[in-house]
Amino acid sequence: MESTTTKPEEAATEKPVVSRRLDRVFLELYNVAVFVGRFFKEVLVPPYEGREIIRQFFEVGYKSLGLISLTGFITGIVFTNQSRPSLAEFGATSWLPSLIAIAIVRALAPLVTALIASGKVGSNIGAELGSMKVTEQIDAMEVSATNPYKFLVVSRVLATTFMIPTLTMYTIFVAMVGAFINVNANEATSFPAFIEQFFGAITYLDVFSSVIKSFVFGFTIGMVGCYKGYHSSKGTEGVGKAANSSVVTSMFLVFIEELLALQIVAALRAV
């Protein structure tokens, strides 16, 4: 299958349209658009790589549980400790469960999960595909009549898209447990009272927006990692750059998407 992307170094040898730097930027944006657009085409067309998709679900989801568990638990405890002094000044420490619920469900759980996944999953995808690219394994798959994009990219992007929301829900649970332990130790709040205040403070919009954000974060992490790895070059040096660039770019985009989602949800609350 012929590639529809254009290499920046090839364009650099031609006369620039605007300037060489801007031409590279626009060319990169074009290649990204083609790469992302191809995903939506390939994901709907059989054959489907079911076994590889399930394997990637395991790699992205199950193998991230340990790190997500520790991070979520610590997040719940740290946020509770940091919030207590401010509420204590007004004698409002009884509001801690409600404050924790709003902060974790609306922002902390999706963002923390996405950032952890960017570092762990995104770098792994970028390095793995980058290594396959520089050792010409991807080219070999094309020669053997295997669609490398469907096998390598579609399976990984689907895995991150669906597993990040699942991990986000798990992060909320783990952070809630950490927060309860802290609140129970300091305010002697019972578990039923904590749960009642926790879930009484959040709305369906909070949960819905958190899940939707997580889907977008997951898609971004998978797509960035696959794109950087799929287009890596320059041998082993390119593999390292692909892994590093995957992490930096996906984290940056996650923050941008979080900002945009915040504005959209705020507008929905005002309706």
Protein backbone atom coordinates (compact mmCIF):
# COMPACT_ATOMS: atom_id res chain seq x y z
CA MET A 1 0.00 0.00 0.00
CA GLU A 2 1.46 3.34 -1.03
CA SER A 3 1.89 6.00 1.63
CA THR A 4 -0.01 9.28 1.19
CA THR A 5 2.28 11.25 3.50
CA THR A 6 5.06 13.53 2.35
CA LYS A 7 8.40 13.67 4.06
CA PRO A 8 9.50 17.14 5.26
CA GLU A 9 13.02 16.62 3.93
CA GLU A 10 11.60 16.04 0.46
CA ALA A 11 9.63 19.26 0.60
CA ALA A 12 12.70 21.11 1.87
CA THR A 13 14.48 20.53 -1.44
CA GLU A 14 11.73 22.36 -3.35
CA LYS A 15 11.17 26.10 -3.53
CA PRO A 16 9.28 27.17 -0.39
CA VAL A 17 5.73 28.48 -0.76
CA VAL A 18 5.89 30.78 2.27
CA SER A 19 9.10 29.87 4.11
CA ARG A 20 10.82 26.58 4.74
CA ARG A 21 9.84 26.55 8.41
CA LEU A 22 6.17 27.33 7.76
CA ASP A 23 6.09 24.87 4.89
CA ARG A 24 7.28 22.13 7.25
CA VAL A 25 4.59 23.06 9.78
CA PHE A 26 1.79 22.92 7.21
CA LEU A 27 3.18 19.73 5.74
CA GLU A 28 3.25 18.13 9.17
CA LEU A 29 -0.35 19.20 9.79
CA TYR A 30 -1.36 17.69 6.45
CA ASN A 31 0.36 14.40 7.29
CA VAL A 32 -1.34 14.32 10.69
CA ALA A 33 -4.75 14.94 9.10
CA VAL A 34 -4.17 12.13 6.60
CA PHE A 35 -2.99 9.78 9.35
CA VAL A 36 -5.99 10.49 11.59
CA GLY A 37 -8.44 10.36 8.69
CA ARG A 38 -7.10 6.98 7.66
CA PHE A 39 -7.92 5.64 11.12
CA PHE A 40 -11.64 6.38 10.73
CA LYS A 41 -11.56 4.65 7.36
CA GLU A 42 -9.65 1.56 8.47
CA VAL A 43 -11.54 1.04 11.74
CA LEU A 44 -14.81 0.44 9.86
CA VAL A 45 -13.48 -1.83 7.12
CA PRO A 46 -12.92 -5.57 7.69
CA PRO A 47 -10.92 -7.64 8.38
CA TYR A 48 -10.76 -6.79 12.07
CA GLU A 49 -7.67 -7.64 14.11
CA GLY A 50 -9.65 -8.92 17.11
CA ARG A 51 -6.84 -10.84 18.78
CA GLU A 52 -4.41 -7.91 18.54
CA ILE A 53 -7.05 -5.49 19.84
CA ILE A 54 -7.68 -7.68 22.89
CA ARG A 55 -3.94 -7.95 23.50
CA GLN A 56 -3.61 -4.17 23.38
CA PHE A 57 -6.54 -3.78 25.80
CA PHE A 58 -4.56 -5.97 28.20
CA GLU A 59 -1.34 -4.02 27.64
CA VAL A 60 -2.95 -0.61 28.09
CA GLY A 61 -5.45 -1.45 30.83
CA TYR A 62 -4.32 -4.29 33.04
CA LYS A 63 -0.61 -3.45 32.98
CA SER A 64 -1.37 0.13 34.04
CA LEU A 65 -3.44 -0.82 37.10
CA GLY A 66 -0.52 -0.86 39.53
CA LEU A 67 0.72 2.62 38.66
CA ILE A 68 -2.81 4.02 38.42
CA SER A 69 -3.74 2.52 41.80
CA LEU A 70 -0.78 4.08 43.57
CA THR A 71 -1.19 7.45 41.85
CA GLY A 72 -4.95 7.63 42.45
CA PHE A 73 -4.62 6.64 46.11
CA ILE A 74 -1.93 9.25 46.75
CA THR A 75 -3.95 11.89 44.87
CA GLY A 76 -6.94 11.33 47.16
CA ILE A 77 -4.86 11.59 50.32
CA VAL A 78 -2.79 14.60 49.21
CA PHE A 79 -5.77 16.61 47.96
CA THR A 80 -7.65 15.95 51.20
CA ASN A 81 -4.69 17.07 53.30
CA GLN A 82 -4.18 20.20 51.21
CA SER A 83 -7.87 21.16 51.32
CA ARG A 84 -8.43 20.64 55.06
CA PRO A 85 -6.60 23.76 56.38
CA SER A 86 -8.57 26.10 54.09
CA LEU A 87 -11.91 24.64 55.13
CA ALA A 88 -10.87 24.51 58.80
CA GLU A 89 -10.46 28.31 58.84
CA PHE A 90 -14.20 28.59 58.25
CA GLY A 91 -15.16 25.60 60.38
CA ALA A 92 -16.29 23.75 57.25
CA THR A 93 -14.26 20.54 57.37
CA SER A 94 -17.54 18.63 57.14
CA TRP A 95 -17.64 19.73 53.49
CA LEU A 96 -14.47 17.82 52.67
CA PRO A 97 -16.23 14.80 51.06
CA SER A 98 -18.22 17.08 48.76
CA LEU A 99 -15.15 19.11 47.78
CA ILE A 100 -13.15 15.95 47.15
CA ALA A 101 -15.89 14.50 44.96
CA ILE A 102 -16.16 17.59 42.79
CA ALA A 103 -12.40 17.96 42.35
CA ILE A 104 -11.68 14.30 41.65
CA VAL A 105 -14.60 13.54 39.34
CA ARG A 106 -14.54 16.79 37.37
CA ALA A 107 -10.81 17.26 36.89
CA LEU A 108 -8.23 15.27 38.85
CA ALA A 109 -9.14 11.70 37.89
CA PRO A 110 -9.34 12.21 34.09
CA LEU A 111 -6.28 14.45 34.03
CA VAL A 112 -4.08 12.33 36.30
CA THR A 113 -5.03 9.15 34.44
CA ALA A 114 -4.31 10.74 31.06
CA LEU A 115 -0.94 12.10 32.16
CA ILE A 116 0.13 8.77 33.63
CA ALA A 117 -1.00 6.99 30.46
CA SER A 118 0.86 9.54 28.31
CA GLY A 119 4.09 8.71 30.11
CA LYS A 120 3.63 4.95 30.30
CA VAL A 121 1.49 3.96 27.33
CA GLY A 122 2.33 6.77 24.91
CA SER A 123 6.08 6.30 25.22
CA ASN A 124 5.72 2.54 24.89
CA ILE A 125 3.68 2.84 21.68
CA GLY A 126 6.06 5.41 20.20
CA ALA A 127 9.14 3.33 20.99
CA GLU A 128 7.59 0.04 19.82
CA LEU A 129 6.36 1.36 16.47
CA GLY A 130 9.51 3.44 16.03
CA SER A 131 11.65 0.35 16.49
CA MET A 132 9.54 -1.55 13.97
CA LYS A 133 9.84 1.35 11.52
CA VAL A 134 13.61 1.74 11.64
CA THR A 135 14.15 -2.04 11.40
CA GLU A 136 11.83 -2.10 8.36
CA GLN A 137 9.36 -4.50 9.97
CA ILE A 138 6.49 -2.25 8.89
CA ASP A 139 7.71 -2.36 5.29
CA ALA A 140 7.95 -6.15 5.54
CA MET A 141 4.32 -6.33 6.68
CA GLU A 142 3.27 -4.35 3.60
CA VAL A 143 5.23 -6.69 1.32
CA SER A 144 3.57 -9.73 2.94
CA ALA A 145 0.09 -8.31 2.13
CA THR A 146 -0.62 -7.38 5.76
CA ASN A 147 -2.10 -3.98 6.47
CA PRO A 148 0.34 -2.58 9.07
CA TYR A 149 -1.84 0.44 9.80
CA LYS A 150 -4.82 -1.69 10.75
CA PHE A 151 -2.75 -4.17 12.74
CA LEU A 152 -0.49 -1.69 14.54
CA VAL A 153 -2.31 1.64 14.68
CA VAL A 154 -6.03 0.84 14.78
CA SER A 155 -5.63 -1.77 17.52
CA ARG A 156 -3.57 0.54 19.75
CA VAL A 157 -5.75 3.60 19.27
CA LEU A 158 -8.89 1.59 20.03
CA ALA A 159 -7.24 0.20 23.16
CA THR A 160 -6.26 3.62 24.51
CA THR A 161 -9.60 5.18 23.53
CA PHE A 162 -11.63 2.63 25.49
CA MET A 163 -9.27 1.80 28.33
CA ILE A 164 -8.48 5.35 29.49
CA PRO A 165 -12.14 5.99 30.47
CA THR A 166 -12.16 2.65 32.31
CA LEU A 167 -8.96 3.56 34.13
CA THR A 168 -10.43 6.98 34.95
CA MET A 169 -13.40 5.38 36.70
CA TYR A 170 -10.98 3.17 38.58
CA THR A 171 -8.90 6.22 39.55
CA ILE A 172 -12.02 7.88 40.97
CA PHE A 173 -12.68 4.82 43.12
CA VAL A 174 -9.09 4.53 44.37
CA ALA A 175 -8.85 8.27 45.08
CA MET A 176 -12.15 8.08 46.96
CA VAL A 177 -10.78 5.28 49.14
CA GLY A 178 -7.63 7.28 49.90
CA ALA A 179 -9.69 10.36 50.72
CA PHE A 180 -12.02 8.40 52.99
CA ILE A 181 -9.12 6.92 54.97
CA ASN A 182 -7.74 10.41 55.53
CA VAL A 183 -11.12 11.95 56.43
CA ASN A 184 -12.02 9.05 58.72
CA ALA A 185 -8.68 9.30 60.53
CA ASN A 186 -8.99 13.06 61.13
CA GLU A 187 -12.73 13.80 61.34
CA ALA A 188 -13.98 10.31 62.29
CA THR A 189 -16.50 10.47 59.44
CA SER A 190 -18.28 7.16 58.92
CA PHE A 191 -18.20 5.42 55.55
CA PRO A 192 -21.98 5.78 54.89
CA ALA A 193 -21.84 9.51 55.69
CA PHE A 194 -18.78 9.96 53.47
CA ILE A 195 -20.40 8.13 50.55
CA GLU A 196 -23.64 10.09 50.91
CA GLN A 197 -21.82 13.44 50.79
CA PHE A 198 -19.45 12.28 48.05
CA PHE A 199 -22.12 11.19 45.59
CA GLY A 200 -24.53 13.92 46.66
CA ALA A 201 -22.11 16.57 45.42
CA ILE A 202 -21.71 15.32 41.86
CA THR A 203 -24.19 15.37 38.99
CA TYR A 204 -24.75 13.32 35.86
CA LEU A 205 -23.07 16.10 33.88
CA ASP A 206 -19.94 15.73 36.01
CA VAL A 207 -19.70 12.00 35.32
CA PHE A 208 -20.68 12.30 31.66
CA SER A 209 -18.16 15.06 30.95
CA SER A 210 -15.44 13.12 32.75
CA VAL A 211 -16.06 10.02 30.65
CA ILE A 212 -16.23 11.95 27.37
CA LYS A 213 -12.99 13.77 28.20
CA SER A 214 -11.34 10.45 28.94
CA PHE A 215 -12.36 9.07 25.54
CA VAL A 216 -10.81 12.12 23.86
CA PHE A 217 -7.66 11.87 26.01
CA GLY A 218 -7.31 8.18 25.19
CA PHE A 219 -7.73 8.75 21.46
CA THR A 220 -5.15 11.54 21.57
CA ILE A 221 -2.58 9.49 23.48
CA GLY A 222 -2.91 6.50 21.16
CA MET A 223 -2.91 8.55 17.97
CA VAL A 224 0.09 10.67 18.95
CA GLY A 225 2.12 7.64 20.01
CA CYS A 226 1.29 5.77 16.81
CA TYR A 227 1.98 8.76 14.56
CA LYS A 228 5.35 9.53 16.14
CA GLY A 229 6.44 5.91 16.02
CA TYR A 230 5.05 5.22 12.55
CA HIS A 231 6.98 8.17 11.09
CA SER A 232 10.24 7.82 13.03
CA SER A 233 13.58 7.66 11.21
CA LYS A 234 17.36 7.91 11.73
CA GLY A 235 17.85 4.54 13.36
CA THR A 236 17.96 4.05 17.12
CA GLU A 237 18.16 7.81 17.68
CA GLY A 238 14.79 8.14 15.97
CA VAL A 239 13.26 5.56 18.31
CA GLY A 240 14.26 7.59 21.35
CA LYS A 241 12.97 10.78 19.78
CA ALA A 242 9.68 9.09 18.90
CA ALA A 243 9.16 7.91 22.48
CA ASN A 244 10.08 11.28 23.97
CA SER A 245 8.03 13.26 21.45
CA SER A 246 5.02 11.00 22.05
CA VAL A 247 5.01 11.83 25.76
CA VAL A 248 5.59 15.58 25.39
CA THR A 249 3.09 16.07 22.57
CA SER A 250 0.32 13.97 24.11
CA MET A 251 0.67 15.69 27.50
CA PHE A 252 0.52 19.11 25.83
CA LEU A 253 -2.58 18.16 23.84
CA VAL A 254 -4.24 16.69 26.94
CA PHE A 255 -3.90 20.03 28.74
CA ILE A 256 -5.28 21.89 25.71
CA GLU A 257 -8.23 19.50 25.52
CA GLU A 258 -8.83 19.85 29.26
CA LEU A 259 -9.00 23.62 28.86
CA LEU A 260 -11.45 23.37 25.96
CA ALA A 261 -13.59 20.80 27.79
CA LEU A 262 -13.71 23.06 30.84
CA GLN A 263 -15.13 25.90 28.74
CA ILE A 264 -17.70 23.65 27.08
CA VAL A 265 -18.90 22.11 30.35
CA ALA A 266 -19.06 25.54 32.00
CA ALA A 267 -21.27 26.73 29.13
CA LEU A 268 -23.53 23.70 29.56
CA ARG A 269 -23.87 24.39 33.29
CA ALA A 270 -24.95 27.93 32.54
CA VAL A 271 -27.77 26.79 30.26
